Amino acid sequence: MIINLKNGIDQLLFGMKQKDVEALYGKPSKQFNDDDGNIIYLYNDQKLRLTFYEDEDYRLGYIITSNAEATVLNQKVIGKNIEQIKADLPFTTWEVEEFDSTENHFNESNWLILQAEFNTIIRAEVGAIIKDNDEFDWKFKG
């Protein structure tokens, strides 16, 4: 499962609508609305959490995965040592935010978060990029 930085994950592209995602993966294992009115799809088999932004006409704008096959630049990341992966990736800027036993390692230029617990990556999050004019850079044009 390839994390395509700035674009999406696997066959998913930022900007897709729910019907586009369902054409690829079928109905989600679970669906709910978050506190902001966004629609969340959970796909248990793929270990994916998809967020469709309410204020962007319900376009896919954020993806979280804990799939063991998730790769960033040809490197599997889930279950790997966070410091080793950060050293191996070509990104020089990481912001680290701590929450109890977990840490979020955020690379803003690629809108990538690697969440670690006990120095081991447990999930990866990737979001659509916002352009200079404060609009999303939607990759799906359908």
C-alpha atoms as a PDB file:
ATOM      1  CA  MET A   1       0.000   0.000   0.000  1.00  0.00           C
ATOM      2  CA  ILE A   2       1.929   2.981  -1.308  1.00  0.00           C
ATOM      3  CA  ILE A   3       1.568   6.334   0.420  1.00  0.00           C
ATOM      4  CA  ASN A   4       1.732   8.748  -2.506  1.00  0.00           C
ATOM      5  CA  LEU A   5       2.810  11.921  -0.743  1.00  0.00           C
ATOM      6  CA  LYS A   6       0.664  14.948  -1.643  1.00  0.00           C
ATOM      7  CA  ASN A   7      -1.650  12.675  -3.689  1.00  0.00           C
ATOM      8  CA  GLY A   8      -3.206   9.955  -1.509  1.00  0.00           C
ATOM      9  CA  ILE A   9      -2.694   6.271  -0.692  1.00  0.00           C
ATOM     10  CA  ASP A  10      -2.880   3.264  -2.972  1.00  0.00           C
ATOM     11  CA  GLN A  11      -5.570   4.015  -5.588  1.00  0.00           C
ATOM     12  CA  LEU A  12      -7.108   6.765  -3.457  1.00  0.00           C
ATOM     13  CA  LEU A  13      -6.570  10.344  -4.597  1.00  0.00           C
ATOM     14  CA  PHE A  14      -7.305  13.473  -2.626  1.00  0.00           C
ATOM     15  CA  GLY A  15     -10.468  15.056  -3.966  1.00  0.00           C
ATOM     16  CA  MET A  16     -12.384  11.828  -4.570  1.00  0.00           C
ATOM     17  CA  LYS A  17     -16.011  11.710  -3.549  1.00  0.00           C
ATOM     18  CA  GLN A  18     -17.566   8.865  -1.580  1.00  0.00           C
ATOM     19  CA  LYS A  19     -18.915   7.217  -4.746  1.00  0.00           C
ATOM     20  CA  ASP A  20     -15.416   7.209  -6.281  1.00  0.00           C
ATOM     21  CA  VAL A  21     -13.953   5.501  -3.214  1.00  0.00           C
ATOM     22  CA  GLU A  22     -16.796   2.987  -3.063  1.00  0.00           C
ATOM     23  CA  ALA A  23     -16.185   2.104  -6.717  1.00  0.00           C
ATOM     24  CA  LEU A  24     -12.686   0.984  -5.651  1.00  0.00           C
ATOM     25  CA  TYR A  25     -13.244  -0.516  -2.193  1.00  0.00           C
ATOM     26  CA  GLY A  26     -16.989  -1.053  -1.885  1.00  0.00           C
ATOM     27  CA  LYS A  27     -19.029   0.105   1.075  1.00  0.00           C
ATOM     28  CA  PRO A  28     -17.002   0.970   4.181  1.00  0.00           C
ATOM     29  CA  SER A  29     -16.888  -1.330   7.214  1.00  0.00           C
ATOM     30  CA  LYS A  30     -18.173   1.601   9.257  1.00  0.00           C
ATOM     31  CA  GLN A  31     -19.277   5.166   8.525  1.00  0.00           C
ATOM     32  CA  PHE A  32     -19.881   8.077  10.894  1.00  0.00           C
ATOM     33  CA  ASN A  33     -19.726  11.853  11.156  1.00  0.00           C
ATOM     34  CA  ASP A  34     -17.081  13.547  13.287  1.00  0.00           C
ATOM     35  CA  ASP A  35     -17.653  16.624  15.452  1.00  0.00           C
ATOM     36  CA  ASP A  36     -17.010  18.940  12.476  1.00  0.00           C
ATOM     37  CA  GLY A  37     -19.646  17.313  10.255  1.00  0.00           C
ATOM     38  CA  ASN A  38     -17.074  15.494   8.129  1.00  0.00           C
ATOM     39  CA  ILE A  39     -17.899  11.988   6.931  1.00  0.00           C
ATOM     40  CA  ILE A  40     -15.516   9.270   8.094  1.00  0.00           C
ATOM     41  CA  TYR A  41     -15.177   5.915   6.322  1.00  0.00           C
ATOM     42  CA  LEU A  42     -13.420   2.999   8.001  1.00  0.00           C
ATOM     43  CA  TYR A  43     -12.165   0.070   5.932  1.00  0.00           C
ATOM     44  CA  ASN A  44     -11.157  -2.653   8.379  1.00  0.00           C
ATOM     45  CA  ASP A  45      -9.463  -5.006   5.910  1.00  0.00           C
ATOM     46  CA  GLN A  46      -7.271  -2.246   4.462  1.00  0.00           C
ATOM     47  CA  LYS A  47      -6.808  -0.570   7.884  1.00  0.00           C
ATOM     48  CA  LEU A  48      -7.842   2.785   6.425  1.00  0.00           C
ATOM     49  CA  ARG A  49      -9.662   5.767   7.921  1.00  0.00           C
ATOM     50  CA  LEU A  50     -10.826   8.272   5.300  1.00  0.00           C
ATOM     51  CA  THR A  51     -12.106  11.776   5.986  1.00  0.00           C
ATOM     52  CA  PHE A  52     -14.405  13.532   3.530  1.00  0.00           C
ATOM     53  CA  TYR A  53     -14.458  17.238   4.377  1.00  0.00           C
ATOM     54  CA  GLU A  54     -17.932  18.723   4.830  1.00  0.00           C
ATOM     55  CA  ASP A  55     -16.787  22.247   3.919  1.00  0.00           C
ATOM     56  CA  GLU A  56     -15.157  20.974   0.698  1.00  0.00           C
ATOM     57  CA  ASP A  57     -18.261  19.319  -0.776  1.00  0.00           C
ATOM     58  CA  TYR A  58     -17.314  16.033   0.922  1.00  0.00           C
ATOM     59  CA  ARG A  59     -14.049  15.497  -0.946  1.00  0.00           C
ATOM     60  CA  LEU A  60     -11.481  13.056   0.420  1.00  0.00           C
ATOM     61  CA  GLY A  61      -8.946  15.215   2.214  1.00  0.00           C
ATOM     62  CA  TYR A  62      -7.285  13.089   4.892  1.00  0.00           C
ATOM     63  CA  ILE A  63      -6.221   9.448   5.159  1.00  0.00           C
ATOM     64  CA  ILE A  64      -4.953   7.455   8.139  1.00  0.00           C
ATOM     65  CA  THR A  65      -3.570   3.935   7.848  1.00  0.00           C
ATOM     66  CA  SER A  66      -2.059   1.332  10.119  1.00  0.00           C
ATOM     67  CA  ASN A  67      -1.685  -1.189   7.291  1.00  0.00           C
ATOM     68  CA  ALA A  68       1.544  -3.169   7.746  1.00  0.00           C
ATOM     69  CA  GLU A  69       2.210  -2.854   3.989  1.00  0.00           C
ATOM     70  CA  ALA A  70       2.124   0.967   4.008  1.00  0.00           C
ATOM     71  CA  THR A  71       5.239   2.392   2.368  1.00  0.00           C
ATOM     72  CA  VAL A  72       6.704   5.884   2.089  1.00  0.00           C
ATOM     73  CA  LEU A  73       9.241   6.231  -0.726  1.00  0.00           C
ATOM     74  CA  ASN A  74       9.555   2.420  -0.998  1.00  0.00           C
ATOM     75  CA  GLN A  75      10.092   1.928   2.747  1.00  0.00           C
ATOM     76  CA  LYS A  76       7.627   0.068   4.931  1.00  0.00           C
ATOM     77  CA  VAL A  77       6.932   2.265   7.930  1.00  0.00           C
ATOM     78  CA  ILE A  78       4.423   0.533  10.226  1.00  0.00           C
ATOM     79  CA  GLY A  79       6.190  -1.358  12.998  1.00  0.00           C
ATOM     80  CA  LYS A  80       9.536   0.302  12.245  1.00  0.00           C
ATOM     81  CA  ASN A  81      11.713   2.440  14.509  1.00  0.00           C
ATOM     82  CA  ILE A  82      10.677   6.090  14.114  1.00  0.00           C
ATOM     83  CA  GLU A  83      14.182   7.534  14.320  1.00  0.00           C
ATOM     84  CA  GLN A  84      15.537   5.081  11.745  1.00  0.00           C
ATOM     85  CA  ILE A  85      12.726   5.832   9.289  1.00  0.00           C
ATOM     86  CA  LYS A  86      13.161   9.592   9.742  1.00  0.00           C
ATOM     87  CA  ALA A  87      16.904   9.202   9.115  1.00  0.00           C
ATOM     88  CA  ASP A  88      16.233   7.150   5.967  1.00  0.00           C
ATOM     89  CA  LEU A  89      13.672   9.565   4.477  1.00  0.00           C
ATOM     90  CA  PRO A  90      14.944  12.625   2.583  1.00  0.00           C
ATOM     91  CA  PHE A  91      12.931  15.089   4.706  1.00  0.00           C
ATOM     92  CA  THR A  92      14.938  17.359   6.969  1.00  0.00           C
ATOM     93  CA  THR A  93      12.170  19.112   8.891  1.00  0.00           C
ATOM     94  CA  TRP A  94      10.050  17.265  11.446  1.00  0.00           C
ATOM     95  CA  GLU A  95       7.875  18.738  14.167  1.00  0.00           C
ATOM     96  CA  VAL A  96       7.327  16.416  17.134  1.00  0.00           C
ATOM     97  CA  GLU A  97       4.292  16.626  19.371  1.00  0.00           C
ATOM     98  CA  GLU A  98       3.887  14.313  22.368  1.00  0.00           C
ATOM     99  CA  PHE A  99       0.620  12.846  23.655  1.00  0.00           C
ATOM    100  CA  ASP A 100       0.941  10.551  26.687  1.00  0.00           C
ATOM    101  CA  SER A 101       2.639   7.449  25.259  1.00  0.00           C
ATOM    102  CA  THR A 102       2.510   8.495  21.602  1.00  0.00           C
ATOM    103  CA  GLU A 103       4.361  11.047  19.509  1.00  0.00           C
ATOM    104  CA  ASN A 104       3.368  12.619  16.210  1.00  0.00           C
ATOM    105  CA  HIS A 105       6.277  13.285  13.848  1.00  0.00           C
ATOM    106  CA  PHE A 106       4.989  15.797  11.304  1.00  0.00           C
ATOM    107  CA  ASN A 107       6.578  16.793   8.006  1.00  0.00           C
ATOM    108  CA  GLU A 108       4.593  19.810   6.821  1.00  0.00           C
ATOM    109  CA  SER A 109       5.900  20.008   3.245  1.00  0.00           C
ATOM    110  CA  ASN A 110       4.387  16.566   2.533  1.00  0.00           C
ATOM    111  CA  TRP A 111       1.590  16.805   5.139  1.00  0.00           C
ATOM    112  CA  LEU A 112       2.764  13.495   6.572  1.00  0.00           C
ATOM    113  CA  ILE A 113       2.417  12.380  10.189  1.00  0.00           C
ATOM    114  CA  LEU A 114       4.107   9.260  11.457  1.00  0.00           C
ATOM    115  CA  GLN A 115       2.641   8.379  14.839  1.00  0.00           C
ATOM    116  CA  ALA A 116       4.905   6.382  17.127  1.00  0.00           C
ATOM    117  CA  GLU A 117       4.448   4.636  20.435  1.00  0.00           C
ATOM    118  CA  PHE A 118       7.447   3.195  22.270  1.00  0.00           C
ATOM    119  CA  ASN A 119       9.630   4.460  19.358  1.00  0.00           C
ATOM    120  CA  THR A 120       7.696   2.265  16.909  1.00  0.00           C
ATOM    121  CA  ILE A 121       5.496   3.670  14.136  1.00  0.00           C
ATOM    122  CA  ILE A 122       1.901   2.595  14.684  1.00  0.00           C
ATOM    123  CA  ARG A 123       0.155   4.630  11.979  1.00  0.00           C
ATOM    124  CA  ALA A 124       0.707   7.030   9.133  1.00  0.00           C
ATOM    125  CA  GLU A 125      -1.464  10.005   8.282  1.00  0.00           C
ATOM    126  CA  VAL A 126      -1.416  11.988   5.068  1.00  0.00           C
ATOM    127  CA  GLY A 127      -3.459  15.008   4.093  1.00  0.00           C
ATOM    128  CA  ALA A 128      -4.254  16.980   0.969  1.00  0.00           C
ATOM    129  CA  ILE A 129      -1.897  19.882   0.372  1.00  0.00           C
ATOM    130  CA  ILE A 130      -3.176  23.450   0.670  1.00  0.00           C
ATOM    131  CA  LYS A 131      -1.939  25.768  -2.073  1.00  0.00           C
ATOM    132  CA  ASP A 132      -0.768  29.356  -1.604  1.00  0.00           C
ATOM    133  CA  ASN A 133      -4.268  30.703  -2.206  1.00  0.00           C
ATOM    134  CA  ASP A 134      -5.640  28.666   0.758  1.00  0.00           C
ATOM    135  CA  GLU A 135      -7.364  26.183  -1.541  1.00  0.00           C
ATOM    136  CA  PHE A 136      -6.766  22.455  -1.563  1.00  0.00           C
ATOM    137  CA  ASP A 137      -4.668  20.961  -4.332  1.00  0.00           C
ATOM    138  CA  TRP A 138      -7.166  18.264  -5.345  1.00  0.00           C
ATOM    139  CA  LYS A 139      -5.529  15.458  -7.327  1.00  0.00           C
ATOM    140  CA  PHE A 140      -8.720  13.715  -8.439  1.00  0.00           C
ATOM    141  CA  LYS A 141     -10.301  15.558 -11.323  1.00  0.00           C
ATOM    142  CA  GLY A 142     -13.344  13.305 -11.881  1.00  0.00           C
END
